[in-house]
Amino acid sequence: QVQLVESGGGLVQAGGSLRLSCANSGRIMYSMGWFRQAPGKEREFVAGFSWNIGWRRYADSVQGRFTISGDNSKKLVFLQMDSLKPEDTAVYYCAAAQSVHELYTGAPELWGQGTQVTVSS
């Protein structure tokens, strides 16, 4: 059964915005975030945060343009993407883990199915 489900991907013009959502239908996971994978490239960390400690981090490539946030239920996570660039084109995956280290190093316990983001030039 699927525990993490992403939504909000689509086609957007360069300079535009999208907001991705991730819904966790199962047990609360205290560290959640987003990864992305472009064709021919490895999956890379984009943004993450922890519900229970003051940890929040972004990849250098999206710093200042993307914002990660969570719902009070601790079951819903968002990624607001502004000033999108063609190089942001990728499949974006929601991820969850119990520890910050597990999430940030690319070994989360749970993955979503992915949502496609395409940015036209």
PDB file of N, CA and C in Angstrom:
ATOM      1  N   GLN A   1       0.831  -1.189   0.000  1.00  0.00           N
ATOM      2  CA  GLN A   1       0.000   0.000   0.000  1.00  0.00           C
ATOM      3  C   GLN A   1       0.873   1.248   0.000  1.00  0.00           C
ATOM      4  N   VAL A   2       0.428   2.255  -0.731  1.00  0.00           N
ATOM      5  CA  VAL A   2       1.152   3.507  -0.847  1.00  0.00           C
ATOM      6  C   VAL A   2       0.919   4.356   0.397  1.00  0.00           C
ATOM      7  N   GLN A   3       2.021   4.835   1.001  1.00  0.00           N
ATOM      8  CA  GLN A   3       1.911   5.696   2.171  1.00  0.00           C
ATOM      9  C   GLN A   3       2.118   7.170   1.838  1.00  0.00           C
ATOM     10  N   LEU A   4       3.011   7.469   0.887  1.00  0.00           N
ATOM     11  CA  LEU A   4       3.276   8.834   0.465  1.00  0.00           C
ATOM     12  C   LEU A   4       2.761   9.041  -0.953  1.00  0.00           C
ATOM     13  N   VAL A   5       1.980  10.099  -1.141  1.00  0.00           N
ATOM     14  CA  VAL A   5       1.417  10.402  -2.447  1.00  0.00           C
ATOM     15  C   VAL A   5       1.680  11.860  -2.786  1.00  0.00           C
ATOM     16  N   GLU A   6       2.371  12.098  -3.911  1.00  0.00           N
ATOM     17  CA  GLU A   6       2.666  13.455  -4.359  1.00  0.00           C
ATOM     18  C   GLU A   6       1.611  13.934  -5.352  1.00  0.00           C
ATOM     19  N   SER A   7       1.494  15.252  -5.439  1.00  0.00           N
ATOM     20  CA  SER A   7       0.646  15.873  -6.437  1.00  0.00           C
ATOM     21  C   SER A   7       1.152  17.286  -6.696  1.00  0.00           C
ATOM     22  N   GLY A   8       0.687  17.888  -7.774  1.00  0.00           N
ATOM     23  CA  GLY A   8       1.001  19.277  -8.061  1.00  0.00           C
ATOM     24  C   GLY A   8       1.974  19.512  -9.194  1.00  0.00           C
ATOM     25  N   GLY A   9       2.536  18.457  -9.755  1.00  0.00           N
ATOM     26  CA  GLY A   9       3.451  18.623 -10.868  1.00  0.00           C
ATOM     27  C   GLY A   9       2.724  19.042 -12.130  1.00  0.00           C
ATOM     28  N   GLY A  10       3.503  19.474 -13.116  1.00  0.00           N
ATOM     29  CA  GLY A  10       2.917  19.899 -14.373  1.00  0.00           C
ATOM     30  C   GLY A  10       3.910  20.639 -15.230  1.00  0.00           C
ATOM     31  N   LEU A  11       3.391  21.296 -16.248  1.00  0.00           N
ATOM     32  CA  LEU A  11       4.194  22.081 -17.182  1.00  0.00           C
ATOM     33  C   LEU A  11       4.067  23.552 -16.837  1.00  0.00           C
ATOM     34  N   VAL A  12       5.204  24.226 -16.730  1.00  0.00           N
ATOM     35  CA  VAL A  12       5.203  25.637 -16.383  1.00  0.00           C
ATOM     36  C   VAL A  12       6.272  26.364 -17.193  1.00  0.00           C
ATOM     37  N   GLN A  13       6.031  27.619 -17.461  1.00  0.00           N
ATOM     38  CA  GLN A  13       6.984  28.452 -18.180  1.00  0.00           C
ATOM     39  C   GLN A  13       8.129  28.866 -17.260  1.00  0.00           C
ATOM     40  N   ALA A  14       9.313  29.027 -17.820  1.00  0.00           N
ATOM     41  CA  ALA A  14      10.448  29.504 -17.038  1.00  0.00           C
ATOM     42  C   ALA A  14      10.095  30.805 -16.325  1.00  0.00           C
ATOM     43  N   GLY A  15      10.471  30.878 -15.054  1.00  0.00           N
ATOM     44  CA  GLY A  15      10.135  32.029 -14.236  1.00  0.00           C
ATOM     45  C   GLY A  15       8.839  31.867 -13.469  1.00  0.00           C
ATOM     46  N   GLY A  16       8.081  30.840 -13.776  1.00  0.00           N
ATOM     47  CA  GLY A  16       6.808  30.596 -13.119  1.00  0.00           C
ATOM     48  C   GLY A  16       6.954  29.816 -11.830  1.00  0.00           C
ATOM     49  N   SER A  17       5.809  29.408 -11.275  1.00  0.00           N
ATOM     50  CA  SER A  17       5.778  28.743  -9.978  1.00  0.00           C
ATOM     51  C   SER A  17       4.887  27.516  -9.990  1.00  0.00           C
ATOM     52  N   LEU A  18       5.207  26.579  -9.114  1.00  0.00           N
ATOM     53  CA  LEU A  18       4.381  25.416  -8.845  1.00  0.00           C
ATOM     54  C   LEU A  18       4.471  25.108  -7.360  1.00  0.00           C
ATOM     55  N   ARG A  19       3.437  24.469  -6.823  1.00  0.00           N
ATOM     56  CA  ARG A  19       3.476  23.987  -5.457  1.00  0.00           C
ATOM     57  C   ARG A  19       3.181  22.494  -5.442  1.00  0.00           C
ATOM     58  N   LEU A  20       4.130  21.720  -4.950  1.00  0.00           N
ATOM     59  CA  LEU A  20       3.959  20.286  -4.815  1.00  0.00           C
ATOM     60  C   LEU A  20       3.433  19.950  -3.428  1.00  0.00           C
ATOM     61  N   SER A  21       2.626  18.906  -3.348  1.00  0.00           N
ATOM     62  CA  SER A  21       2.093  18.434  -2.083  1.00  0.00           C
ATOM     63  C   SER A  21       2.432  16.965  -1.896  1.00  0.00           C
ATOM     64  N   CYS A  22       2.625  16.572  -0.648  1.00  0.00           N
ATOM     65  CA  CYS A  22       2.877  15.178  -0.307  1.00  0.00           C
ATOM     66  C   CYS A  22       2.028  14.815   0.895  1.00  0.00           C
ATOM     67  N   ALA A  23       1.185  13.816   0.739  1.00  0.00           N
ATOM     68  CA  ALA A  23       0.307  13.364   1.810  1.00  0.00           C
ATOM     69  C   ALA A  23       0.799  12.034   2.368  1.00  0.00           C
ATOM     70  N   ASN A  24       0.958  11.979   3.671  1.00  0.00           N
ATOM     71  CA  ASN A  24       1.379  10.765   4.372  1.00  0.00           C
ATOM     72  C   ASN A  24       0.155  10.116   5.005  1.00  0.00           C
ATOM     73  N   SER A  25      -0.237   8.961   4.508  1.00  0.00           N
ATOM     74  CA  SER A  25      -1.430   8.282   5.003  1.00  0.00           C
ATOM     75  C   SER A  25      -1.152   7.346   6.170  1.00  0.00           C
ATOM     76  N   GLY A  26       0.113   7.196   6.558  1.00  0.00           N
ATOM     77  CA  GLY A  26       0.471   6.252   7.595  1.00  0.00           C
ATOM     78  C   GLY A  26       1.043   6.906   8.835  1.00  0.00           C
ATOM     79  N   ARG A  27       1.938   6.182   9.484  1.00  0.00           N
ATOM     80  CA  ARG A  27       2.572   6.655  10.701  1.00  0.00           C
ATOM     81  C   ARG A  27       3.367   7.926  10.464  1.00  0.00           C
ATOM     82  N   ILE A  28       3.345   8.816  11.433  1.00  0.00           N
ATOM     83  CA  ILE A  28       4.095  10.063  11.327  1.00  0.00           C
ATOM     84  C   ILE A  28       5.587   9.776  11.200  1.00  0.00           C
ATOM     85  N   MET A  29       6.209  10.431  10.232  1.00  0.00           N
ATOM     86  CA  MET A  29       7.644  10.353  10.032  1.00  0.00           C
ATOM     87  C   MET A  29       8.222  11.730  10.328  1.00  0.00           C
ATOM     88  N   TYR A  30       9.234  11.804  11.190  1.00  0.00           N
ATOM     89  CA  TYR A  30       9.660  13.090  11.725  1.00  0.00           C
ATOM     90  C   TYR A  30      10.577  13.889  10.821  1.00  0.00           C
ATOM     91  N   SER A  31      11.097  13.268   9.788  1.00  0.00           N
ATOM     92  CA  SER A  31      11.898  13.979   8.796  1.00  0.00           C
ATOM     93  C   SER A  31      11.318  13.712   7.416  1.00  0.00           C
ATOM     94  N   MET A  32      11.004  14.766   6.714  1.00  0.00           N
ATOM     95  CA  MET A  32      10.432  14.626   5.385  1.00  0.00           C
ATOM     96  C   MET A  32      11.078  15.622   4.441  1.00  0.00           C
ATOM     97  N   GLY A  33      11.026  15.301   3.161  1.00  0.00           N
ATOM     98  CA  GLY A  33      11.639  16.183   2.189  1.00  0.00           C
ATOM     99  C   GLY A  33      11.364  15.770   0.767  1.00  0.00           C
ATOM    100  N   TRP A  34      12.119  16.372  -0.131  1.00  0.00           N
ATOM    101  CA  TRP A  34      11.931  16.178  -1.551  1.00  0.00           C
ATOM    102  C   TRP A  34      13.247  15.889  -2.250  1.00  0.00           C
ATOM    103  N   PHE A  35      13.204  14.958  -3.180  1.00  0.00           N
ATOM    104  CA  PHE A  35      14.301  14.651  -4.080  1.00  0.00           C
ATOM    105  C   PHE A  35      13.810  14.820  -5.511  1.00  0.00           C
ATOM    106  N   ARG A  36      14.741  14.877  -6.443  1.00  0.00           N
ATOM    107  CA  ARG A  36      14.350  14.927  -7.844  1.00  0.00           C
ATOM    108  C   ARG A  36      15.338  14.142  -8.690  1.00  0.00           C
ATOM    109  N   GLN A  37      14.858  13.694  -9.840  1.00  0.00           N
ATOM    110  CA  GLN A  37      15.693  12.942 -10.761  1.00  0.00           C
ATOM    111  C   GLN A  37      15.371  13.352 -12.188  1.00  0.00           C
ATOM    112  N   ALA A  38      16.374  13.887 -12.863  1.00  0.00           N
ATOM    113  CA  ALA A  38      16.258  14.257 -14.262  1.00  0.00           C
ATOM    114  C   ALA A  38      16.730  13.100 -15.131  1.00  0.00           C
ATOM    115  N   PRO A  39      16.294  13.037 -16.392  1.00  0.00           N
ATOM    116  CA  PRO A  39      16.723  11.956 -17.280  1.00  0.00           C
ATOM    117  C   PRO A  39      18.241  11.854 -17.371  1.00  0.00           C
ATOM    118  N   GLY A  40      18.763  10.648 -17.191  1.00  0.00           N
ATOM    119  CA  GLY A  40      20.191  10.415 -17.287  1.00  0.00           C
ATOM    120  C   GLY A  40      20.998  10.847 -16.084  1.00  0.00           C
ATOM    121  N   LYS A  41      20.338  11.305 -15.033  1.00  0.00           N
ATOM    122  CA  LYS A  41      21.036  11.770 -13.842  1.00  0.00           C
ATOM    123  C   LYS A  41      20.579  10.999 -12.611  1.00  0.00           C
ATOM    124  N   GLU A  42      21.410  11.047 -11.577  1.00  0.00           N
ATOM    125  CA  GLU A  42      21.064  10.396 -10.325  1.00  0.00           C
ATOM    126  C   GLU A  42      20.053  11.231  -9.545  1.00  0.00           C
ATOM    127  N   ARG A  43      19.323  10.558  -8.696  1.00  0.00           N
ATOM    128  CA  ARG A  43      18.397  11.254  -7.824  1.00  0.00           C
ATOM    129  C   ARG A  43      19.172  12.147  -6.856  1.00  0.00           C
ATOM    130  N   GLU A  44      18.705  13.380  -6.664  1.00  0.00           N
ATOM    131  CA  GLU A  44      19.408  14.324  -5.819  1.00  0.00           C
ATOM    132  C   GLU A  44      18.476  14.951  -4.784  1.00  0.00           C
ATOM    133  N   PHE A  45      19.059  15.296  -3.663  1.00  0.00           N
ATOM    134  CA  PHE A  45      18.331  15.962  -2.591  1.00  0.00           C
ATOM    135  C   PHE A  45      17.965  17.375  -3.005  1.00  0.00           C
ATOM    136  N   VAL A  46      16.734  17.779  -2.705  1.00  0.00           N
ATOM    137  CA  VAL A  46      16.256  19.121  -3.030  1.00  0.00           C
ATOM    138  C   VAL A  46      16.016  19.944  -1.766  1.00  0.00           C
ATOM    139  N   ALA A  47      15.213  19.420  -0.857  1.00  0.00           N
ATOM    140  CA  ALA A  47      14.869  20.138   0.368  1.00  0.00           C
ATOM    141  C   ALA A  47      14.360  19.165   1.412  1.00  0.00           C
ATOM    142  N   GLY A  48      14.573  19.490   2.681  1.00  0.00           N
ATOM    143  CA  GLY A  48      14.085  18.647   3.753  1.00  0.00           C
ATOM    144  C   GLY A  48      13.941  19.412   5.052  1.00  0.00           C
ATOM    145  N   PHE A  49      13.159  18.847   5.976  1.00  0.00           N
ATOM    146  CA  PHE A  49      13.002  19.449   7.298  1.00  0.00           C
ATOM    147  C   PHE A  49      12.582  18.388   8.293  1.00  0.00           C
ATOM    148  N   SER A  50      12.657  18.758   9.573  1.00  0.00           N
ATOM    149  CA  SER A  50      12.256  17.876  10.655  1.00  0.00           C
ATOM    150  C   SER A  50      11.153  18.522  11.474  1.00  0.00           C
ATOM    151  N   TRP A  51      10.144  17.713  11.821  1.00  0.00           N
ATOM    152  CA  TRP A  51       9.050  18.221  12.643  1.00  0.00           C
ATOM    153  C   TRP A  51       9.489  18.537  14.066  1.00  0.00           C
ATOM    154  N   ASN A  52      10.403  17.754  14.599  1.00  0.00           N
ATOM    155  CA  ASN A  52      10.702  17.817  16.022  1.00  0.00           C
ATOM    156  C   ASN A  52      11.993  18.529  16.400  1.00  0.00           C
ATOM    157  N   ILE A  53      12.823  18.868  15.446  1.00  0.00           N
ATOM    158  CA  ILE A  53      14.019  19.660  15.697  1.00  0.00           C
ATOM    159  C   ILE A  53      14.096  20.767  14.660  1.00  0.00           C
ATOM    160  N   GLY A  54      14.890  21.779  14.954  1.00  0.00           N
ATOM    161  CA  GLY A  54      15.011  22.915  14.060  1.00  0.00           C
ATOM    162  C   GLY A  54      15.967  22.679  12.917  1.00  0.00           C
ATOM    163  N   TRP A  55      15.633  21.738  12.052  1.00  0.00           N
ATOM    164  CA  TRP A  55      16.473  21.396  10.915  1.00  0.00           C
ATOM    165  C   TRP A  55      15.709  21.642   9.628  1.00  0.00           C
ATOM    166  N   ARG A  56      16.324  22.390   8.747  1.00  0.00           N
ATOM    167  CA  ARG A  56      15.756  22.692   7.443  1.00  0.00           C
ATOM    168  C   ARG A  56      16.909  22.980   6.497  1.00  0.00           C
ATOM    169  N   ARG A  57      16.891  22.331   5.340  1.00  0.00           N
ATOM    170  CA  ARG A  57      18.015  22.476   4.436  1.00  0.00           C
ATOM    171  C   ARG A  57      17.565  22.386   2.989  1.00  0.00           C
ATOM    172  N   TYR A  58      18.263  23.137   2.136  1.00  0.00           N
ATOM    173  CA  TYR A  58      17.991  23.157   0.712  1.00  0.00           C
ATOM    174  C   TYR A  58      19.256  22.886  -0.078  1.00  0.00           C
ATOM    175  N   ALA A  59      19.095  22.281  -1.241  1.00  0.00           N
ATOM    176  CA  ALA A  59      20.210  22.172  -2.161  1.00  0.00           C
ATOM    177  C   ALA A  59      20.613  23.565  -2.617  1.00  0.00           C
ATOM    178  N   ASP A  60      21.899  23.758  -2.860  1.00  0.00           N
ATOM    179  CA  ASP A  60      22.385  25.066  -3.288  1.00  0.00           C
ATOM    180  C   ASP A  60      21.679  25.551  -4.556  1.00  0.00           C
ATOM    181  N   SER A  61      21.335  24.634  -5.422  1.00  0.00           N
ATOM    182  CA  SER A  61      20.746  24.987  -6.702  1.00  0.00           C
ATOM    183  C   SER A  61      19.334  25.562  -6.586  1.00  0.00           C
ATOM    184  N   VAL A  62      18.667  25.330  -5.449  1.00  0.00           N
ATOM    185  CA  VAL A  62      17.303  25.825  -5.277  1.00  0.00           C
ATOM    186  C   VAL A  62      17.179  26.827  -4.139  1.00  0.00           C
ATOM    187  N   GLN A  63      18.256  27.079  -3.423  1.00  0.00           N
ATOM    188  CA  GLN A  63      18.244  28.014  -2.303  1.00  0.00           C
ATOM    189  C   GLN A  63      17.733  29.378  -2.746  1.00  0.00           C
ATOM    190  N   GLY A  64      16.774  29.903  -1.994  1.00  0.00           N
ATOM    191  CA  GLY A  64      16.208  31.197  -2.317  1.00  0.00           C
ATOM    192  C   GLY A  64      15.053  31.151  -3.287  1.00  0.00           C
ATOM    193  N   ARG A  65      14.831  29.999  -3.918  1.00  0.00           N
ATOM    194  CA  ARG A  65      13.741  29.861  -4.879  1.00  0.00           C
ATOM    195  C   ARG A  65      12.663  28.895  -4.405  1.00  0.00           C
ATOM    196  N   PHE A  66      13.054  27.853  -3.669  1.00  0.00           N
ATOM    197  CA  PHE A  66      12.120  26.838  -3.184  1.00  0.00           C
ATOM    198  C   PHE A  66      11.918  26.990  -1.684  1.00  0.00           C
ATOM    199  N   THR A  67      10.724  26.651  -1.211  1.00  0.00           N
ATOM    200  CA  THR A  67      10.418  26.688   0.206  1.00  0.00           C
ATOM    201  C   THR A  67       9.667  25.427   0.611  1.00  0.00           C
ATOM    202  N   ILE A  68      10.174  24.732   1.630  1.00  0.00           N
ATOM    203  CA  ILE A  68       9.505  23.545   2.135  1.00  0.00           C
ATOM    204  C   ILE A  68       8.735  23.913   3.396  1.00  0.00           C
ATOM    205  N   SER A  69       7.554  23.337   3.571  1.00  0.00           N
ATOM    206  CA  SER A  69       6.737  23.608   4.742  1.00  0.00           C
ATOM    207  C   SER A  69       5.870  22.398   5.051  1.00  0.00           C
ATOM    208  N   GLY A  70       5.297  22.387   6.259  1.00  0.00           N
ATOM    209  CA  GLY A  70       4.466  21.280   6.680  1.00  0.00           C
ATOM    210  C   GLY A  70       3.177  21.721   7.316  1.00  0.00           C
ATOM    211  N   ASP A  71       2.224  20.825   7.318  1.00  0.00           N
ATOM    212  CA  ASP A  71       0.923  21.052   7.919  1.00  0.00           C
ATOM    213  C   ASP A  71       0.969  20.699   9.406  1.00  0.00           C
ATOM    214  N   ASN A  72       0.054  21.278  10.199  1.00  0.00           N
ATOM    215  CA  ASN A  72       0.008  21.016  11.636  1.00  0.00           C
ATOM    216  C   ASN A  72      -0.252  19.550  11.979  1.00  0.00           C
ATOM    217  N   SER A  73      -0.857  18.826  11.067  1.00  0.00           N
ATOM    218  CA  SER A  73      -1.136  17.412  11.296  1.00  0.00           C
ATOM    219  C   SER A  73       0.118  16.544  11.209  1.00  0.00           C
ATOM    220  N   LYS A  74       1.196  17.085  10.680  1.00  0.00           N
ATOM    221  CA  LYS A  74       2.439  16.359  10.416  1.00  0.00           C
ATOM    222  C   LYS A  74       2.226  15.254   9.387  1.00  0.00           C
ATOM    223  N   LYS A  75       1.197  15.395   8.591  1.00  0.00           N
ATOM    224  CA  LYS A  75       0.881  14.410   7.561  1.00  0.00           C
ATOM    225  C   LYS A  75       0.915  15.002   6.152  1.00  0.00           C
ATOM    226  N   LEU A  76       1.191  16.280   6.050  1.00  0.00           N
ATOM    227  CA  LEU A  76       1.153  16.955   4.760  1.00  0.00           C
ATOM    228  C   LEU A  76       2.359  17.879   4.628  1.00  0.00           C
ATOM    229  N   VAL A  77       3.097  17.727   3.544  1.00  0.00           N
ATOM    230  CA  VAL A  77       4.297  18.524   3.282  1.00  0.00           C
ATOM    231  C   VAL A  77       4.173  19.174   1.916  1.00  0.00           C
ATOM    232  N   PHE A  78       4.686  20.396   1.812  1.00  0.00           N
ATOM    233  CA  PHE A  78       4.596  21.155   0.576  1.00  0.00           C
ATOM    234  C   PHE A  78       5.983  21.582   0.108  1.00  0.00           C
ATOM    235  N   LEU A  79       6.100  21.771  -1.181  1.00  0.00           N
ATOM    236  CA  LEU A  79       7.292  22.382  -1.756  1.00  0.00           C
ATOM    237  C   LEU A  79       6.843  23.480  -2.701  1.00  0.00           C
ATOM    238  N   GLN A  80       7.018  24.710  -2.264  1.00  0.00           N
ATOM    239  CA  GLN A  80       6.709  25.862  -3.107  1.00  0.00           C
ATOM    240  C   GLN A  80       7.918  26.158  -3.974  1.00  0.00           C
ATOM    241  N   MET A  81       7.729  26.144  -5.282  1.00  0.00           N
ATOM    242  CA  MET A  81       8.813  26.341  -6.231  1.00  0.00           C
ATOM    243  C   MET A  81       8.550  27.614  -7.022  1.00  0.00           C
ATOM    244  N   ASP A  82       9.414  28.593  -6.847  1.00  0.00           N
ATOM    245  CA  ASP A  82       9.304  29.870  -7.536  1.00  0.00           C
ATOM    246  C   ASP A  82      10.509  30.074  -8.445  1.00  0.00           C
ATOM    247  N   SER A  83      10.373  30.998  -9.372  1.00  0.00           N
ATOM    248  CA  SER A  83      11.453  31.322 -10.306  1.00  0.00           C
ATOM    249  C   SER A  83      12.028  30.071 -10.956  1.00  0.00           C
ATOM    250  N   LEU A  84      11.155  29.229 -11.445  1.00  0.00           N
ATOM    251  CA  LEU A  84      11.575  27.950 -12.004  1.00  0.00           C
ATOM    252  C   LEU A  84      12.420  28.127 -13.260  1.00  0.00           C
ATOM    253  N   LYS A  85      13.385  27.227 -13.399  1.00  0.00           N
ATOM    254  CA  LYS A  85      14.309  27.226 -14.520  1.00  0.00           C
ATOM    255  C   LYS A  85      14.185  25.918 -15.282  1.00  0.00           C
ATOM    256  N   PRO A  86      14.552  25.904 -16.561  1.00  0.00           N
ATOM    257  CA  PRO A  86      14.498  24.644 -17.319  1.00  0.00           C
ATOM    258  C   PRO A  86      15.285  23.519 -16.651  1.00  0.00           C
ATOM    259  N   GLU A  87      16.380  23.831 -15.983  1.00  0.00           N
ATOM    260  CA  GLU A  87      17.172  22.810 -15.317  1.00  0.00           C
ATOM    261  C   GLU A  87      16.496  22.215 -14.086  1.00  0.00           C
ATOM    262  N   ASP A  88      15.360  22.787 -13.672  1.00  0.00           N
ATOM    263  CA  ASP A  88      14.568  22.195 -12.602  1.00  0.00           C
ATOM    264  C   ASP A  88      13.690  21.052 -13.099  1.00  0.00           C
ATOM    265  N   THR A  89      13.630  20.850 -14.396  1.00  0.00           N
ATOM    266  CA  THR A  89      12.818  19.788 -14.973  1.00  0.00           C
ATOM    267  C   THR A  89      13.285  18.427 -14.462  1.00  0.00           C
ATOM    268  N   ALA A  90      12.365  17.676 -13.870  1.00  0.00           N
ATOM    269  CA  ALA A  90      12.693  16.380 -13.285  1.00  0.00           C
ATOM    270  C   ALA A  90      11.423  15.749 -12.742  1.00  0.00           C
ATOM    271  N   VAL A  91      11.536  14.488 -12.350  1.00  0.00           N
ATOM    272  CA  VAL A  91      10.508  13.861 -11.538  1.00  0.00           C
ATOM    273  C   VAL A  91      10.840  14.153 -10.085  1.00  0.00           C
ATOM    274  N   TYR A  92       9.886  14.696  -9.361  1.00  0.00           N
ATOM    275  CA  TYR A  92      10.085  15.053  -7.962  1.00  0.00           C
ATOM    276  C   TYR A  92       9.439  14.010  -7.063  1.00  0.00           C
ATOM    277  N   TYR A  93      10.213  13.548  -6.078  1.00  0.00           N
ATOM    278  CA  TYR A  93       9.773  12.499  -5.176  1.00  0.00           C
ATOM    279  C   TYR A  93       9.710  13.003  -3.739  1.00  0.00           C
ATOM    280  N   CYS A  94       8.626  12.739  -3.080  1.00  0.00           N
ATOM    281  CA  CYS A  94       8.523  12.955  -1.654  1.00  0.00           C
ATOM    282  C   CYS A  94       9.210  11.800  -0.927  1.00  0.00           C
ATOM    283  N   ALA A  95       9.837  12.100   0.198  1.00  0.00           N
ATOM    284  CA  ALA A  95      10.521  11.073   0.972  1.00  0.00           C
ATOM    285  C   ALA A  95      10.337  11.329   2.461  1.00  0.00           C
ATOM    286  N   ALA A  96      10.440  10.259   3.256  1.00  0.00           N
ATOM    287  CA  ALA A  96      10.248  10.377   4.696  1.00  0.00           C
ATOM    288  C   ALA A  96      11.158   9.414   5.443  1.00  0.00           C
ATOM    289  N   ALA A  97      11.589   9.838   6.620  1.00  0.00           N
ATOM    290  CA  ALA A  97      12.444   9.024   7.475  1.00  0.00           C
ATOM    291  C   ALA A  97      12.241   9.431   8.926  1.00  0.00           C
ATOM    292  N   GLN A  98      12.708   8.598   9.834  1.00  0.00           N
ATOM    293  CA  GLN A  98      12.625   8.944  11.248  1.00  0.00           C
ATOM    294  C   GLN A  98      13.776   9.833  11.688  1.00  0.00           C
ATOM    295  N   SER A  99      14.891   9.792  10.983  1.00  0.00           N
ATOM    296  CA  SER A  99      16.057  10.583  11.352  1.00  0.00           C
ATOM    297  C   SER A  99      16.447  11.541  10.242  1.00  0.00           C
ATOM    298  N   VAL A 100      17.000  12.668  10.641  1.00  0.00           N
ATOM    299  CA  VAL A 100      17.495  13.654   9.696  1.00  0.00           C
ATOM    300  C   VAL A 100      18.615  13.069   8.847  1.00  0.00           C
ATOM    301  N   HIS A 101      19.521  12.342   9.468  1.00  0.00           N
ATOM    302  CA  HIS A 101      20.647  11.762   8.755  1.00  0.00           C
ATOM    303  C   HIS A 101      20.189  10.817   7.649  1.00  0.00           C
ATOM    304  N   GLU A 102      19.230   9.990   7.953  1.00  0.00           N
ATOM    305  CA  GLU A 102      18.724   9.033   6.973  1.00  0.00           C
ATOM    306  C   GLU A 102      18.120   9.742   5.762  1.00  0.00           C
ATOM    307  N   LEU A 103      17.404  10.807   6.000  1.00  0.00           N
ATOM    308  CA  LEU A 103      16.793  11.558   4.912  1.00  0.00           C
ATOM    309  C   LEU A 103      17.840  12.281   4.072  1.00  0.00           C
ATOM    310  N   TYR A 104      18.708  13.020   4.709  1.00  0.00           N
ATOM    311  CA  TYR A 104      19.639  13.893   4.020  1.00  0.00           C
ATOM    312  C   TYR A 104      20.670  13.118   3.202  1.00  0.00           C
ATOM    313  N   THR A 105      21.043  11.940   3.681  1.00  0.00           N
ATOM    314  CA  THR A 105      22.028  11.130   2.973  1.00  0.00           C
ATOM    315  C   THR A 105      21.409  10.290   1.859  1.00  0.00           C
ATOM    316  N   GLY A 106      20.126  10.460   1.626  1.00  0.00           N
ATOM    317  CA  GLY A 106      19.477   9.789   0.511  1.00  0.00           C
ATOM    318  C   GLY A 106      19.027   8.377   0.775  1.00  0.00           C
ATOM    319  N   ALA A 107      18.800   8.050   2.051  1.00  0.00           N
ATOM    320  CA  ALA A 107      18.339   6.711   2.413  1.00  0.00           C
ATOM    321  C   ALA A 107      17.065   6.770   3.242  1.00  0.00           C
ATOM    322  N   PRO A 108      16.030   7.420   2.749  1.00  0.00           N
ATOM    323  CA  PRO A 108      14.787   7.480   3.510  1.00  0.00           C
ATOM    324  C   PRO A 108      14.080   6.135   3.543  1.00  0.00           C
ATOM    325  N   GLU A 109      13.199   5.977   4.504  1.00  0.00           N
ATOM    326  CA  GLU A 109      12.449   4.733   4.643  1.00  0.00           C
ATOM    327  C   GLU A 109      11.310   4.632   3.644  1.00  0.00           C
ATOM    328  N   LEU A 110      10.744   5.778   3.281  1.00  0.00           N
ATOM    329  CA  LEU A 110       9.574   5.802   2.415  1.00  0.00           C
ATOM    330  C   LEU A 110       9.778   6.746   1.239  1.00  0.00           C
ATOM    331  N   TRP A 111       9.250   6.342   0.092  1.00  0.00           N
ATOM    332  CA  TRP A 111       9.269   7.159  -1.118  1.00  0.00           C
ATOM    333  C   TRP A 111       7.870   7.272  -1.700  1.00  0.00           C
ATOM    334  N   GLY A 112       7.571   8.432  -2.258  1.00  0.00           N
ATOM    335  CA  GLY A 112       6.361   8.581  -3.034  1.00  0.00           C
ATOM    336  C   GLY A 112       6.578   8.086  -4.446  1.00  0.00           C
ATOM    337  N   GLN A 113       5.532   8.131  -5.246  1.00  0.00           N
ATOM    338  CA  GLN A 113       5.595   7.606  -6.608  1.00  0.00           C
ATOM    339  C   GLN A 113       6.210   8.582  -7.601  1.00  0.00           C
ATOM    340  N   GLY A 114       6.325   9.834  -7.236  1.00  0.00           N
ATOM    341  CA  GLY A 114       6.907  10.842  -8.093  1.00  0.00           C
ATOM    342  C   GLY A 114       5.879  11.641  -8.861  1.00  0.00           C
ATOM    343  N   THR A 115       6.194  12.907  -9.110  1.00  0.00           N
ATOM    344  CA  THR A 115       5.355  13.767  -9.926  1.00  0.00           C
ATOM    345  C   THR A 115       6.250  14.563 -10.871  1.00  0.00           C
ATOM    346  N   GLN A 116       5.861  14.618 -12.140  1.00  0.00           N
ATOM    347  CA  GLN A 116       6.688  15.244 -13.168  1.00  0.00           C
ATOM    348  C   GLN A 116       6.555  16.757 -13.141  1.00  0.00           C
ATOM    349  N   VAL A 117       7.692  17.434 -13.151  1.00  0.00           N
ATOM    350  CA  VAL A 117       7.751  18.888 -13.288  1.00  0.00           C
ATOM    351  C   VAL A 117       8.539  19.199 -14.549  1.00  0.00           C
ATOM    352  N   THR A 118       7.924  19.925 -15.464  1.00  0.00           N
ATOM    353  CA  THR A 118       8.576  20.305 -16.704  1.00  0.00           C
ATOM    354  C   THR A 118       8.546  21.818 -16.845  1.00  0.00           C
ATOM    355  N   VAL A 119       9.716  22.415 -17.015  1.00  0.00           N
ATOM    356  CA  VAL A 119       9.842  23.862 -17.136  1.00  0.00           C
ATOM    357  C   VAL A 119      10.307  24.189 -18.547  1.00  0.00           C
ATOM    358  N   SER A 120       9.505  24.914 -19.272  1.00  0.00           N
ATOM    359  CA  SER A 120       9.829  25.272 -20.645  1.00  0.00           C
ATOM    360  C   SER A 120      10.633  26.564 -20.687  1.00  0.00           C
ATOM    361  N   SER A 121      11.520  26.667 -21.659  1.00  0.00           N
ATOM    362  CA  SER A 121      12.353  27.848 -21.813  1.00  0.00           C
ATOM    363  C   SER A 121      11.692  28.876 -22.713  1.00  0.00           C
TER     364      SER A 121
END
